[in-house]
């Protein structure tokens, strides 16, 4: 909110995937030039670099995250 009490305009870009006979999916959301997809890519790249370039570190991190989400959903 700015000093006038009004919310400023915010640029939001939705990137969609439309494949015949499949539901439309949101593949990225960009707000004020910050892309969720690019942010996730940067985080993945950093994780791989922190582990000496080992791509398997990313796979293992994804497995761990998936198991955490799965366990939360079953509660």
PDB file of N, CA and C in Angstrom:
ATOM      1  N   UNK A   1       0.851  -1.163   0.000  1.00  0.00           N
ATOM      2  CA  UNK A   1       0.000   0.000   0.000  1.00  0.00           C
ATOM      3  C   UNK A   1       0.907   1.240   0.000  1.00  0.00           C
ATOM      4  N   UNK A   2       0.530   2.204  -0.799  1.00  0.00           N
ATOM      5  CA  UNK A   2       1.319   3.436  -0.801  1.00  0.00           C
ATOM      6  C   UNK A   2       0.700   4.453   0.168  1.00  0.00           C
ATOM      7  N   UNK A   3       1.249   5.649   0.216  1.00  0.00           N
ATOM      8  CA  UNK A   3       0.820   6.662   1.188  1.00  0.00           C
ATOM      9  C   UNK A   3      -0.638   7.109   0.981  1.00  0.00           C
ATOM     10  N   UNK A   4      -1.159   6.933  -0.211  1.00  0.00           N
ATOM     11  CA  UNK A   4      -2.549   7.338  -0.469  1.00  0.00           C
ATOM     12  C   UNK A   4      -3.541   6.330   0.075  1.00  0.00           C
ATOM     13  N   UNK A   5      -3.036   5.171   0.531  1.00  0.00           N
ATOM     14  CA  UNK A   5      -3.925   4.128   1.017  1.00  0.00           C
ATOM     15  C   UNK A   5      -4.409   3.208  -0.081  1.00  0.00           C
ATOM     16  N   UNK A   6      -3.920   3.453  -1.284  1.00  0.00           N
ATOM     17  CA  UNK A   6      -4.297   2.628  -2.437  1.00  0.00           C
ATOM     18  C   UNK A   6      -3.210   1.593  -2.721  1.00  0.00           C
ATOM     19  N   UNK A   7      -3.627   0.477  -3.244  1.00  0.00           N
ATOM     20  CA  UNK A   7      -2.662  -0.535  -3.661  1.00  0.00           C
ATOM     21  C   UNK A   7      -2.169  -0.186  -5.068  1.00  0.00           C
ATOM     22  N   UNK A   8      -0.853  -0.190  -5.275  1.00  0.00           N
ATOM     23  CA  UNK A   8      -0.338   0.126  -6.612  1.00  0.00           C
ATOM     24  C   UNK A   8      -0.625  -1.029  -7.582  1.00  0.00           C
ATOM     25  N   UNK A   9      -0.652  -0.699  -8.862  1.00  0.00           N
ATOM     26  CA  UNK A   9      -0.799  -1.740  -9.875  1.00  0.00           C
ATOM     27  C   UNK A   9       0.389  -2.685  -9.787  1.00  0.00           C
ATOM     28  N   UNK A  10       0.129  -3.961  -9.982  1.00  0.00           N
ATOM     29  CA  UNK A  10       1.164  -4.983  -9.942  1.00  0.00           C
ATOM     30  C   UNK A  10       1.071  -5.808 -11.209  1.00  0.00           C
ATOM     31  N   UNK A  11       2.192  -5.945 -11.894  1.00  0.00           N
ATOM     32  CA  UNK A  11       2.209  -6.742 -13.109  1.00  0.00           C
ATOM     33  C   UNK A  11       2.333  -8.217 -12.753  1.00  0.00           C
ATOM     34  N   UNK A  12       1.375  -9.016 -13.233  1.00  0.00           N
ATOM     35  CA  UNK A  12       1.375 -10.453 -13.016  1.00  0.00           C
ATOM     36  C   UNK A  12       1.251 -11.132 -14.377  1.00  0.00           C
ATOM     37  N   UNK A  13       2.158 -12.070 -14.641  1.00  0.00           N
ATOM     38  CA  UNK A  13       2.129 -12.814 -15.902  1.00  0.00           C
ATOM     39  C   UNK A  13       1.953 -14.292 -15.577  1.00  0.00           C
ATOM     40  N   UNK A  14       0.951 -14.893 -16.173  1.00  0.00           N
ATOM     41  CA  UNK A  14       0.697 -16.329 -16.024  1.00  0.00           C
ATOM     42  C   UNK A  14       1.186 -17.022 -17.284  1.00  0.00           C
ATOM     43  N   UNK A  15       1.993 -18.061 -17.145  1.00  0.00           N
ATOM     44  CA  UNK A  15       2.414 -18.862 -18.297  1.00  0.00           C
ATOM     45  C   UNK A  15       1.676 -20.190 -18.207  1.00  0.00           C
ATOM     46  N   UNK A  16       1.009 -20.520 -19.294  1.00  0.00           N
ATOM     47  CA  UNK A  16       0.153 -21.703 -19.310  1.00  0.00           C
ATOM     48  C   UNK A  16       0.650 -22.717 -20.329  1.00  0.00           C
ATOM     49  N   UNK A  17       0.322 -23.971 -20.068  1.00  0.00           N
ATOM     50  CA  UNK A  17       0.585 -25.049 -21.013  1.00  0.00           C
ATOM     51  C   UNK A  17      -0.765 -25.594 -21.455  1.00  0.00           C
ATOM     52  N   UNK A  18      -1.008 -25.529 -22.748  1.00  0.00           N
ATOM     53  CA  UNK A  18      -2.270 -26.028 -23.296  1.00  0.00           C
ATOM     54  C   UNK A  18      -1.962 -27.156 -24.273  1.00  0.00           C
ATOM     55  N   UNK A  19      -2.278 -28.372 -23.869  1.00  0.00           N
ATOM     56  CA  UNK A  19      -2.070 -29.552 -24.706  1.00  0.00           C
ATOM     57  C   UNK A  19      -3.446 -30.140 -25.014  1.00  0.00           C
ATOM     58  N   UNK A  20      -3.667 -30.444 -26.271  1.00  0.00           N
ATOM     59  CA  UNK A  20      -4.958 -30.970 -26.707  1.00  0.00           C
ATOM     60  C   UNK A  20      -5.387 -32.153 -25.846  1.00  0.00           C
ATOM     61  N   UNK A  21      -6.652 -32.151 -25.441  1.00  0.00           N
ATOM     62  CA  UNK A  21      -7.275 -33.210 -24.637  1.00  0.00           C
ATOM     63  C   UNK A  21      -6.718 -33.324 -23.224  1.00  0.00           C
ATOM     64  N   UNK A  22      -6.029 -32.292 -22.757  1.00  0.00           N
ATOM     65  CA  UNK A  22      -5.527 -32.271 -21.380  1.00  0.00           C
ATOM     66  C   UNK A  22      -5.920 -30.945 -20.745  1.00  0.00           C
ATOM     67  N   UNK A  23      -6.064 -30.937 -19.417  1.00  0.00           N
ATOM     68  CA  UNK A  23      -6.393 -29.655 -18.763  1.00  0.00           C
ATOM     69  C   UNK A  23      -5.269 -28.639 -18.944  1.00  0.00           C
ATOM     70  N   UNK A  24      -5.632 -27.380 -19.027  1.00  0.00           N
ATOM     71  CA  UNK A  24      -4.630 -26.316 -19.086  1.00  0.00           C
ATOM     72  C   UNK A  24      -3.925 -26.268 -17.735  1.00  0.00           C
ATOM     73  N   UNK A  25      -2.598 -26.118 -17.764  1.00  0.00           N
ATOM     74  CA  UNK A  25      -1.810 -26.062 -16.535  1.00  0.00           C
ATOM     75  C   UNK A  25      -1.031 -24.749 -16.464  1.00  0.00           C
ATOM     76  N   UNK A  26      -0.933 -24.214 -15.258  1.00  0.00           N
ATOM     77  CA  UNK A  26      -0.080 -23.057 -15.015  1.00  0.00           C
ATOM     78  C   UNK A  26       1.337 -23.597 -14.857  1.00  0.00           C
ATOM     79  N   UNK A  27       2.275 -23.135 -15.695  1.00  0.00           N
ATOM     80  CA  UNK A  27       3.648 -23.615 -15.595  1.00  0.00           C
ATOM     81  C   UNK A  27       4.587 -22.576 -14.983  1.00  0.00           C
ATOM     82  N   UNK A  28       4.145 -21.325 -14.916  1.00  0.00           N
ATOM     83  CA  UNK A  28       4.958 -20.295 -14.272  1.00  0.00           C
ATOM     84  C   UNK A  28       4.072 -19.123 -13.909  1.00  0.00           C
ATOM     85  N   UNK A  29       4.459 -18.442 -12.861  1.00  0.00           N
ATOM     86  CA  UNK A  29       3.791 -17.231 -12.424  1.00  0.00           C
ATOM     87  C   UNK A  29       4.884 -16.197 -12.171  1.00  0.00           C
ATOM     88  N   UNK A  30       4.785 -15.082 -12.862  1.00  0.00           N
ATOM     89  CA  UNK A  30       5.782 -14.016 -12.717  1.00  0.00           C
ATOM     90  C   UNK A  30       5.100 -12.783 -12.137  1.00  0.00           C
ATOM     91  N   UNK A  31       5.647 -12.296 -11.029  1.00  0.00           N
ATOM     92  CA  UNK A  31       5.091 -11.116 -10.379  1.00  0.00           C
ATOM     93  C   UNK A  31       6.190 -10.063 -10.293  1.00  0.00           C
ATOM     94  N   UNK A  32       5.928  -8.911 -10.917  1.00  0.00           N
ATOM     95  CA  UNK A  32       6.899  -7.820 -10.938  1.00  0.00           C
ATOM     96  C   UNK A  32       8.290  -8.308 -11.344  1.00  0.00           C
ATOM     97  N   UNK A  33       8.356  -9.047 -12.432  1.00  0.00           N
ATOM     98  CA  UNK A  33       9.599  -9.553 -13.028  1.00  0.00           C
ATOM     99  C   UNK A  33      10.305 -10.612 -12.182  1.00  0.00           C
ATOM    100  N   UNK A  34       9.604 -11.218 -11.243  1.00  0.00           N
ATOM    101  CA  UNK A  34      10.180 -12.327 -10.474  1.00  0.00           C
ATOM    102  C   UNK A  34       9.409 -13.580 -10.857  1.00  0.00           C
ATOM    103  N   UNK A  35      10.105 -14.490 -11.524  1.00  0.00           N
ATOM    104  CA  UNK A  35       9.500 -15.716 -12.026  1.00  0.00           C
ATOM    105  C   UNK A  35       9.681 -16.845 -11.019  1.00  0.00           C
ATOM    106  N   UNK A  36       8.580 -17.510 -10.678  1.00  0.00           N
ATOM    107  CA  UNK A  36       8.672 -18.651  -9.769  1.00  0.00           C
ATOM    108  C   UNK A  36       9.493 -19.774 -10.402  1.00  0.00           C
ATOM    109  N   UNK A  37       9.327 -19.989 -11.705  1.00  0.00           N
ATOM    110  CA  UNK A  37      10.060 -21.036 -12.407  1.00  0.00           C
ATOM    111  C   UNK A  37      11.562 -20.755 -12.400  1.00  0.00           C
ATOM    112  N   UNK A  38      11.938 -19.508 -12.674  1.00  0.00           N
ATOM    113  CA  UNK A  38      13.355 -19.128 -12.676  1.00  0.00           C
ATOM    114  C   UNK A  38      13.944 -19.216 -11.277  1.00  0.00           C
ATOM    115  N   UNK A  39      13.173 -18.811 -10.274  1.00  0.00           N
ATOM    116  CA  UNK A  39      13.635 -18.897  -8.888  1.00  0.00           C
ATOM    117  C   UNK A  39      13.901 -20.346  -8.508  1.00  0.00           C
ATOM    118  N   UNK A  40      12.984 -21.254  -8.882  1.00  0.00           N
ATOM    119  CA  UNK A  40      13.171 -22.667  -8.580  1.00  0.00           C
ATOM    120  C   UNK A  40      14.390 -23.221  -9.312  1.00  0.00           C
ATOM    121  N   UNK A  41      14.576 -22.821 -10.543  1.00  0.00           N
ATOM    122  CA  UNK A  41      15.742 -23.261 -11.311  1.00  0.00           C
ATOM    123  C   UNK A  41      17.030 -22.794 -10.628  1.00  0.00           C
ATOM    124  N   UNK A  42      17.065 -21.562 -10.177  1.00  0.00           N
ATOM    125  CA  UNK A  42      18.249 -21.040  -9.490  1.00  0.00           C
ATOM    126  C   UNK A  42      18.532 -21.814  -8.206  1.00  0.00           C
ATOM    127  N   UNK A  43      17.468 -22.163  -7.458  1.00  0.00           N
ATOM    128  CA  UNK A  43      17.645 -22.937  -6.233  1.00  0.00           C
ATOM    129  C   UNK A  43      18.196 -24.330  -6.544  1.00  0.00           C
ATOM    130  N   UNK A  44      17.700 -24.951  -7.598  1.00  0.00           N
ATOM    131  CA  UNK A  44      18.182 -26.278  -7.993  1.00  0.00           C
ATOM    132  C   UNK A  44      19.653 -26.225  -8.410  1.00  0.00           C
ATOM    133  N   UNK A  45      20.002 -25.210  -9.182  1.00  0.00           N
ATOM    134  CA  UNK A  45      21.386 -25.048  -9.624  1.00  0.00           C
ATOM    135  C   UNK A  45      22.316 -24.846  -8.429  1.00  0.00           C
ATOM    136  N   UNK A  46      21.884 -24.031  -7.470  1.00  0.00           N
ATOM    137  CA  UNK A  46      22.702 -23.786  -6.276  1.00  0.00           C
ATOM    138  C   UNK A  46      22.896 -25.069  -5.469  1.00  0.00           C
ATOM    139  N   UNK A  47      21.844 -25.878  -5.347  1.00  0.00           N
ATOM    140  CA  UNK A  47      21.942 -27.138  -4.610  1.00  0.00           C
ATOM    141  C   UNK A  47      22.964 -28.067  -5.270  1.00  0.00           C
ATOM    142  N   UNK A  48      22.904 -28.153  -6.584  1.00  0.00           N
ATOM    143  CA  UNK A  48      23.862 -28.998  -7.325  1.00  0.00           C
ATOM    144  C   UNK A  48      25.285 -28.483  -7.121  1.00  0.00           C
ATOM    145  N   UNK A  49      25.479 -27.171  -7.210  1.00  0.00           N
ATOM    146  CA  UNK A  49      26.818 -26.593  -7.025  1.00  0.00           C
ATOM    147  C   UNK A  49      27.339 -26.835  -5.618  1.00  0.00           C
ATOM    148  N   UNK A  50      26.469 -26.690  -4.602  1.00  0.00           N
ATOM    149  CA  UNK A  50      26.882 -26.931  -3.214  1.00  0.00           C
ATOM    150  C   UNK A  50      27.331 -28.379  -2.997  1.00  0.00           C
ATOM    151  N   UNK A  51      26.883 -29.264  -3.858  1.00  0.00           N
ATOM    152  CA  UNK A  51      27.230 -30.680  -3.737  1.00  0.00           C
ATOM    153  C   UNK A  51      28.229 -31.101  -4.805  1.00  0.00           C
ATOM    154  N   UNK A  52      29.110 -30.188  -5.161  1.00  0.00           N
ATOM    155  CA  UNK A  52      30.207 -30.489  -6.077  1.00  0.00           C
ATOM    156  C   UNK A  52      29.776 -30.853  -7.483  1.00  0.00           C
ATOM    157  N   UNK A  53      28.635 -30.351  -7.926  1.00  0.00           N
ATOM    158  CA  UNK A  53      28.165 -30.620  -9.282  1.00  0.00           C
ATOM    159  C   UNK A  53      27.450 -31.956  -9.415  1.00  0.00           C
ATOM    160  N   UNK A  54      27.146 -32.596  -8.290  1.00  0.00           N
ATOM    161  CA  UNK A  54      26.494 -33.901  -8.312  1.00  0.00           C
ATOM    162  C   UNK A  54      24.993 -33.733  -8.497  1.00  0.00           C
ATOM    163  N   UNK A  55      24.494 -34.087  -9.678  1.00  0.00           N
ATOM    164  CA  UNK A  55      23.080 -33.965  -9.998  1.00  0.00           C
ATOM    165  C   UNK A  55      22.231 -34.868  -9.103  1.00  0.00           C
ATOM    166  N   UNK A  56      22.814 -35.966  -8.648  1.00  0.00           N
ATOM    167  CA  UNK A  56      22.077 -36.881  -7.773  1.00  0.00           C
ATOM    168  C   UNK A  56      21.655 -36.203  -6.469  1.00  0.00           C
ATOM    169  N   UNK A  57      22.362 -35.175  -6.049  1.00  0.00           N
ATOM    170  CA  UNK A  57      21.987 -34.431  -4.843  1.00  0.00           C
ATOM    171  C   UNK A  57      20.615 -33.787  -5.031  1.00  0.00           C
ATOM    172  N   UNK A  58      20.355 -33.291  -6.235  1.00  0.00           N
ATOM    173  CA  UNK A  58      19.051 -32.695  -6.523  1.00  0.00           C
ATOM    174  C   UNK A  58      17.967 -33.768  -6.487  1.00  0.00           C
ATOM    175  N   UNK A  59      18.243 -34.909  -7.095  1.00  0.00           N
ATOM    176  CA  UNK A  59      17.269 -36.004  -7.107  1.00  0.00           C
ATOM    177  C   UNK A  59      16.952 -36.433  -5.671  1.00  0.00           C
ATOM    178  N   UNK A  60      17.968 -36.566  -4.858  1.00  0.00           N
ATOM    179  CA  UNK A  60      17.763 -36.984  -3.471  1.00  0.00           C
ATOM    180  C   UNK A  60      16.974 -35.926  -2.680  1.00  0.00           C
ATOM    181  N   UNK A  61      17.274 -34.663  -2.905  1.00  0.00           N
ATOM    182  CA  UNK A  61      16.539 -33.591  -2.237  1.00  0.00           C
ATOM    183  C   UNK A  61      15.071 -33.609  -2.654  1.00  0.00           C
ATOM    184  N   UNK A  62      14.810 -33.882  -3.920  1.00  0.00           N
ATOM    185  CA  UNK A  62      13.436 -33.953  -4.409  1.00  0.00           C
ATOM    186  C   UNK A  62      12.710 -35.156  -3.800  1.00  0.00           C
ATOM    187  N   UNK A  63      13.400 -36.278  -3.699  1.00  0.00           N
ATOM    188  CA  UNK A  63      12.798 -37.465  -3.063  1.00  0.00           C
ATOM    189  C   UNK A  63      12.433 -37.178  -1.609  1.00  0.00           C
ATOM    190  N   UNK A  64      13.355 -36.561  -0.902  1.00  0.00           N
ATOM    191  CA  UNK A  64      13.119 -36.231   0.502  1.00  0.00           C
ATOM    192  C   UNK A  64      11.924 -35.298   0.639  1.00  0.00           C
ATOM    193  N   UNK A  65      11.858 -34.284  -0.205  1.00  0.00           N
ATOM    194  CA  UNK A  65      10.741 -33.330  -0.166  1.00  0.00           C
ATOM    195  C   UNK A  65       9.423 -34.034  -0.473  1.00  0.00           C
ATOM    196  N   UNK A  66       9.443 -34.919  -1.472  1.00  0.00           N
ATOM    197  CA  UNK A  66       8.242 -35.667  -1.841  1.00  0.00           C
ATOM    198  C   UNK A  66       7.754 -36.521  -0.668  1.00  0.00           C
ATOM    199  N   UNK A  67       8.672 -37.195  -0.010  1.00  0.00           N
ATOM    200  CA  UNK A  67       8.298 -38.045   1.128  1.00  0.00           C
ATOM    201  C   UNK A  67       7.725 -37.211   2.270  1.00  0.00           C
ATOM    202  N   UNK A  68       8.282 -36.030   2.489  1.00  0.00           N
ATOM    203  CA  UNK A  68       7.777 -35.129   3.525  1.00  0.00           C
ATOM    204  C   UNK A  68       6.347 -34.688   3.200  1.00  0.00           C
ATOM    205  N   UNK A  69       6.121 -34.325   1.959  1.00  0.00           N
ATOM    206  CA  UNK A  69       4.779 -33.894   1.521  1.00  0.00           C
ATOM    207  C   UNK A  69       3.802 -35.061   1.631  1.00  0.00           C
ATOM    208  N   UNK A  70       4.215 -36.229   1.192  1.00  0.00           N
ATOM    209  CA  UNK A  70       3.362 -37.413   1.245  1.00  0.00           C
ATOM    210  C   UNK A  70       2.976 -37.749   2.688  1.00  0.00           C
ATOM    211  N   UNK A  71       3.950 -37.662   3.591  1.00  0.00           N
ATOM    212  CA  UNK A  71       3.681 -37.950   5.007  1.00  0.00           C
ATOM    213  C   UNK A  71       2.718 -36.921   5.593  1.00  0.00           C
ATOM    214  N   UNK A  72       2.863 -35.664   5.216  1.00  0.00           N
ATOM    215  CA  UNK A  72       1.970 -34.603   5.724  1.00  0.00           C
ATOM    216  C   UNK A  72       0.546 -34.815   5.222  1.00  0.00           C
ATOM    217  N   UNK A  73       0.420 -35.237   3.973  1.00  0.00           N
ATOM    218  CA  UNK A  73      -0.898 -35.428   3.369  1.00  0.00           C
ATOM    219  C   UNK A  73      -1.654 -36.594   4.005  1.00  0.00           C
ATOM    220  N   UNK A  74      -0.929 -37.570   4.516  1.00  0.00           N
ATOM    221  CA  UNK A  74      -1.595 -38.751   5.077  1.00  0.00           C
ATOM    222  C   UNK A  74      -2.034 -38.547   6.519  1.00  0.00           C
ATOM    223  N   UNK A  75      -1.704 -37.408   7.103  1.00  0.00           N
ATOM    224  CA  UNK A  75      -2.067 -37.151   8.517  1.00  0.00           C
ATOM    225  C   UNK A  75      -3.455 -36.584   8.637  1.00  0.00           C
TER     226      UNK A  75
END
